[in-house]
N, C-alpha and C. Protein backbone atom coordinates (compact mmCIF):
# COMPACT_ATOMS: atom_id res chain seq x y z
N UNK A 1 43.17 33.49 -148.68
CA UNK A 1 44.25 34.23 -149.26
C UNK A 1 45.57 33.47 -148.99
N UNK A 2 46.41 33.33 -150.01
CA UNK A 2 47.69 32.64 -149.85
C UNK A 2 48.56 33.37 -148.84
N UNK A 3 49.46 32.60 -148.24
CA UNK A 3 50.45 33.17 -147.33
C UNK A 3 51.79 32.50 -147.61
N UNK A 4 52.86 33.21 -147.26
CA UNK A 4 54.19 32.75 -147.61
C UNK A 4 55.12 32.82 -146.39
N UNK A 5 55.84 31.72 -146.16
CA UNK A 5 56.96 31.77 -145.22
C UNK A 5 58.12 32.33 -146.01
N UNK A 6 58.77 33.31 -145.46
CA UNK A 6 60.01 33.81 -146.05
C UNK A 6 61.09 33.59 -145.01
N UNK A 7 62.06 32.78 -145.37
CA UNK A 7 63.14 32.45 -144.45
C UNK A 7 64.48 32.87 -145.03
N UNK A 8 65.29 33.45 -144.16
CA UNK A 8 66.66 33.81 -144.52
C UNK A 8 67.54 33.12 -143.49
N UNK A 9 68.53 32.38 -143.96
CA UNK A 9 69.25 31.45 -143.09
C UNK A 9 70.75 31.49 -143.36
N UNK A 10 71.52 31.50 -142.29
CA UNK A 10 72.96 31.22 -142.34
C UNK A 10 73.17 29.95 -141.52
N UNK A 11 73.57 28.87 -142.17
CA UNK A 11 73.79 27.60 -141.50
C UNK A 11 75.17 27.63 -140.84
N UNK A 12 75.23 27.27 -139.55
CA UNK A 12 76.50 27.25 -138.82
C UNK A 12 76.93 25.84 -138.46
N UNK A 13 76.00 24.88 -138.53
CA UNK A 13 76.31 23.47 -138.27
C UNK A 13 75.56 22.63 -139.32
N UNK A 14 76.21 22.36 -140.45
CA UNK A 14 75.53 21.66 -141.54
C UNK A 14 74.98 20.28 -141.17
N UNK A 15 75.66 19.57 -140.32
CA UNK A 15 75.20 18.22 -139.94
C UNK A 15 73.87 18.29 -139.19
N UNK A 16 73.78 19.14 -138.20
CA UNK A 16 72.54 19.29 -137.43
C UNK A 16 71.44 19.88 -138.30
N UNK A 17 71.80 20.85 -139.15
CA UNK A 17 70.79 21.47 -140.01
C UNK A 17 70.22 20.48 -141.01
N UNK A 18 71.03 19.53 -141.44
CA UNK A 18 70.55 18.49 -142.36
C UNK A 18 69.46 17.65 -141.70
N UNK A 19 69.60 17.42 -140.39
CA UNK A 19 68.56 16.68 -139.66
C UNK A 19 67.26 17.50 -139.62
N UNK A 20 67.40 18.81 -139.42
CA UNK A 20 66.23 19.69 -139.46
C UNK A 20 65.53 19.57 -140.81
N UNK A 21 66.30 19.70 -141.90
CA UNK A 21 65.73 19.67 -143.24
C UNK A 21 65.04 18.33 -143.53
N UNK A 22 65.61 17.25 -143.06
CA UNK A 22 65.05 15.92 -143.24
C UNK A 22 63.66 15.81 -142.61
N UNK A 23 63.47 16.43 -141.45
CA UNK A 23 62.18 16.37 -140.75
C UNK A 23 61.23 17.49 -141.18
N UNK A 24 61.79 18.65 -141.50
CA UNK A 24 60.95 19.81 -141.82
C UNK A 24 60.21 19.64 -143.13
N UNK A 25 60.85 19.08 -144.14
CA UNK A 25 60.21 18.93 -145.45
C UNK A 25 58.88 18.19 -145.38
N UNK A 26 58.85 16.99 -144.75
CA UNK A 26 57.58 16.27 -144.63
C UNK A 26 56.55 17.02 -143.78
N UNK A 27 57.00 17.72 -142.74
CA UNK A 27 56.07 18.47 -141.89
C UNK A 27 55.42 19.61 -142.69
N UNK A 28 56.21 20.26 -143.51
CA UNK A 28 55.70 21.35 -144.34
C UNK A 28 54.73 20.80 -145.39
N UNK A 29 55.11 19.71 -146.03
CA UNK A 29 54.24 19.10 -147.03
C UNK A 29 52.92 18.64 -146.43
N UNK A 30 52.97 18.10 -145.22
CA UNK A 30 51.75 17.64 -144.54
C UNK A 30 50.77 18.78 -144.32
N UNK A 31 51.31 19.99 -144.14
CA UNK A 31 50.46 21.17 -143.94
C UNK A 31 50.08 21.85 -145.25
N UNK A 32 50.45 21.27 -146.37
CA UNK A 32 50.10 21.83 -147.66
C UNK A 32 51.09 22.85 -148.18
N UNK A 33 52.25 22.98 -147.52
CA UNK A 33 53.26 23.94 -147.98
C UNK A 33 53.94 23.49 -149.24
N UNK A 34 54.23 24.45 -150.12
CA UNK A 34 54.91 24.19 -151.38
C UNK A 34 56.12 25.12 -151.49
N UNK A 35 57.29 24.52 -151.66
CA UNK A 35 58.50 25.32 -151.80
C UNK A 35 58.49 26.04 -153.14
N UNK A 36 58.66 27.35 -153.11
CA UNK A 36 58.79 28.16 -154.31
C UNK A 36 60.24 28.55 -154.54
N UNK A 37 60.96 28.76 -153.44
CA UNK A 37 62.38 29.10 -153.47
C UNK A 37 63.05 28.28 -152.37
N UNK A 38 64.14 27.66 -152.71
CA UNK A 38 64.87 26.84 -151.72
C UNK A 38 66.35 26.92 -152.05
N UNK A 39 67.00 27.97 -151.53
CA UNK A 39 68.39 28.19 -151.86
C UNK A 39 68.49 28.87 -153.21
N UNK A 40 69.48 28.53 -153.97
CA UNK A 40 69.62 29.09 -155.31
C UNK A 40 70.40 30.40 -155.33
N UNK A 41 70.71 30.82 -156.52
CA UNK A 41 71.45 32.08 -156.71
C UNK A 41 70.61 33.26 -156.26
N UNK A 42 71.29 34.25 -155.71
CA UNK A 42 70.59 35.46 -155.32
C UNK A 42 71.57 36.63 -155.31
N UNK A 43 71.03 37.81 -155.33
CA UNK A 43 71.82 39.05 -155.24
C UNK A 43 71.29 39.88 -154.10
N UNK A 44 72.20 40.43 -153.31
CA UNK A 44 71.82 41.31 -152.20
C UNK A 44 71.85 42.74 -152.74
N UNK A 45 70.68 43.37 -152.78
CA UNK A 45 70.60 44.74 -153.28
C UNK A 45 70.62 45.75 -152.14
N UNK A 46 70.06 45.37 -151.00
CA UNK A 46 70.07 46.24 -149.82
C UNK A 46 70.04 45.36 -148.57
N UNK A 47 70.58 45.87 -147.49
CA UNK A 47 70.47 45.19 -146.22
C UNK A 47 71.49 44.07 -146.04
N UNK A 48 71.26 43.30 -145.00
CA UNK A 48 72.15 42.21 -144.63
C UNK A 48 71.78 40.95 -145.39
N UNK A 49 72.74 40.34 -145.99
CA UNK A 49 72.49 39.12 -146.76
C UNK A 49 72.62 37.86 -145.90
N UNK A 50 71.92 36.85 -146.31
CA UNK A 50 72.01 35.52 -145.73
C UNK A 50 72.42 34.56 -146.84
N UNK A 51 73.06 33.47 -146.48
CA UNK A 51 73.54 32.52 -147.48
C UNK A 51 72.42 31.77 -148.14
N UNK A 52 71.31 31.56 -147.44
CA UNK A 52 70.21 30.73 -147.95
C UNK A 52 68.89 31.48 -147.80
N UNK A 53 68.07 31.43 -148.83
CA UNK A 53 66.76 32.07 -148.83
C UNK A 53 65.71 31.04 -149.22
N UNK A 54 64.57 31.06 -148.52
CA UNK A 54 63.52 30.07 -148.74
C UNK A 54 62.17 30.78 -148.77
N UNK A 55 61.31 30.42 -149.72
CA UNK A 55 59.94 30.92 -149.78
C UNK A 55 59.02 29.69 -149.91
N UNK A 56 58.06 29.58 -149.01
CA UNK A 56 57.13 28.45 -149.02
C UNK A 56 55.71 29.01 -149.07
N UNK A 57 54.92 28.52 -150.01
CA UNK A 57 53.54 28.97 -150.18
C UNK A 57 52.58 28.06 -149.41
N UNK A 58 51.63 28.68 -148.72
CA UNK A 58 50.55 27.96 -148.03
C UNK A 58 49.23 28.54 -148.50
N UNK A 59 48.17 27.78 -148.30
CA UNK A 59 46.83 28.23 -148.74
C UNK A 59 46.30 29.39 -147.90
N UNK A 60 46.82 29.58 -146.69
CA UNK A 60 46.36 30.69 -145.83
C UNK A 60 47.39 30.96 -144.74
N UNK A 61 47.25 32.11 -144.12
CA UNK A 61 48.12 32.45 -143.00
C UNK A 61 47.91 31.45 -141.86
N UNK A 62 46.68 31.04 -141.67
CA UNK A 62 46.38 30.09 -140.58
C UNK A 62 47.07 28.74 -140.84
N UNK A 63 47.09 28.30 -142.10
CA UNK A 63 47.77 27.03 -142.42
C UNK A 63 49.27 27.16 -142.21
N UNK A 64 49.84 28.31 -142.58
CA UNK A 64 51.27 28.52 -142.39
C UNK A 64 51.63 28.55 -140.92
N UNK A 65 50.83 29.25 -140.12
CA UNK A 65 51.07 29.29 -138.67
C UNK A 65 50.88 27.90 -138.06
N UNK A 66 49.85 27.19 -138.52
CA UNK A 66 49.59 25.85 -138.03
C UNK A 66 50.74 24.89 -138.31
N UNK A 67 51.35 25.04 -139.47
CA UNK A 67 52.50 24.23 -139.79
C UNK A 67 53.64 24.52 -138.81
N UNK A 68 53.93 25.79 -138.59
CA UNK A 68 55.03 26.18 -137.71
C UNK A 68 54.82 25.63 -136.30
N UNK A 69 53.59 25.66 -135.82
CA UNK A 69 53.32 25.23 -134.44
C UNK A 69 53.00 23.74 -134.33
N UNK A 70 52.98 23.03 -135.45
CA UNK A 70 52.65 21.59 -135.43
C UNK A 70 53.71 20.80 -134.68
N UNK A 71 53.34 19.71 -134.05
CA UNK A 71 54.33 18.86 -133.36
C UNK A 71 55.44 18.38 -134.29
N UNK A 72 55.11 18.09 -135.54
CA UNK A 72 56.10 17.60 -136.48
C UNK A 72 57.17 18.67 -136.79
N UNK A 73 56.70 19.90 -137.02
CA UNK A 73 57.67 20.95 -137.33
C UNK A 73 58.46 21.35 -136.08
N UNK A 74 57.81 21.37 -134.96
CA UNK A 74 58.52 21.70 -133.72
C UNK A 74 59.61 20.68 -133.42
N UNK A 75 59.37 19.41 -133.74
CA UNK A 75 60.40 18.38 -133.57
C UNK A 75 61.60 18.67 -134.47
N UNK A 76 61.34 19.12 -135.70
CA UNK A 76 62.41 19.47 -136.63
C UNK A 76 63.16 20.71 -136.16
N UNK A 77 62.42 21.68 -135.66
CA UNK A 77 62.99 22.96 -135.26
C UNK A 77 64.07 22.84 -134.19
N UNK A 78 63.98 21.82 -133.38
CA UNK A 78 64.99 21.59 -132.32
C UNK A 78 66.39 21.46 -132.90
N UNK A 79 66.50 20.98 -134.13
CA UNK A 79 67.82 20.78 -134.75
C UNK A 79 68.44 22.07 -135.28
N UNK A 80 67.68 23.19 -135.24
CA UNK A 80 68.24 24.47 -135.70
C UNK A 80 68.97 25.19 -134.57
N UNK A 81 68.70 24.81 -133.32
CA UNK A 81 69.33 25.48 -132.17
C UNK A 81 70.84 25.26 -132.26
N UNK A 82 71.57 26.34 -132.36
CA UNK A 82 73.03 26.27 -132.48
C UNK A 82 73.50 25.83 -133.85
N UNK A 83 72.57 25.59 -134.79
CA UNK A 83 72.95 25.12 -136.11
C UNK A 83 72.69 26.16 -137.20
N UNK A 84 72.00 27.25 -136.85
CA UNK A 84 71.67 28.24 -137.88
C UNK A 84 71.24 29.55 -137.23
N UNK A 85 71.48 30.62 -137.94
CA UNK A 85 70.93 31.94 -137.62
C UNK A 85 69.84 32.16 -138.65
N UNK A 86 68.61 32.39 -138.17
CA UNK A 86 67.47 32.42 -139.09
C UNK A 86 66.56 33.60 -138.79
N UNK A 87 66.00 34.16 -139.85
CA UNK A 87 64.89 35.09 -139.75
C UNK A 87 63.76 34.45 -140.55
N UNK A 88 62.60 34.27 -139.91
CA UNK A 88 61.45 33.67 -140.57
C UNK A 88 60.26 34.58 -140.35
N UNK A 89 59.51 34.82 -141.40
CA UNK A 89 58.30 35.65 -141.31
C UNK A 89 57.23 34.99 -142.17
N UNK A 90 55.96 35.13 -141.75
CA UNK A 90 54.84 34.71 -142.57
C UNK A 90 54.20 35.98 -143.10
N UNK A 91 54.00 36.02 -144.41
CA UNK A 91 53.44 37.19 -145.07
C UNK A 91 52.20 36.77 -145.86
N UNK A 92 51.10 37.48 -145.66
CA UNK A 92 49.90 37.19 -146.41
C UNK A 92 50.01 37.80 -147.81
N UNK A 93 49.56 37.05 -148.80
CA UNK A 93 49.63 37.52 -150.19
C UNK A 93 48.54 38.50 -150.53
N UNK A 94 48.49 38.90 -151.78
CA UNK A 94 47.47 39.84 -152.24
C UNK A 94 46.18 39.10 -152.57
N UNK A 95 45.09 39.81 -152.41
CA UNK A 95 43.78 39.22 -152.73
C UNK A 95 43.56 39.16 -154.21
């Protein structure tokens, strides 16, 4: 069953966050992740808004979790400390 990373992000240090993005993209691709949403226009209908929204599709919840815990992604993640406020969740799709 497909699974999706849903990320909501407010970048506070664009320079450091750019380093994260440079490393995260290849790490996500290596795990089979496919970007469905990466920024773009959005409307806040309810709740707290974030400046950036991201949706990444994976073949399974296990693949999505494996990507997040991979050494490559963890190396990228270090550049988000102090560079962004983020909410990230993995959601399993419908059968």
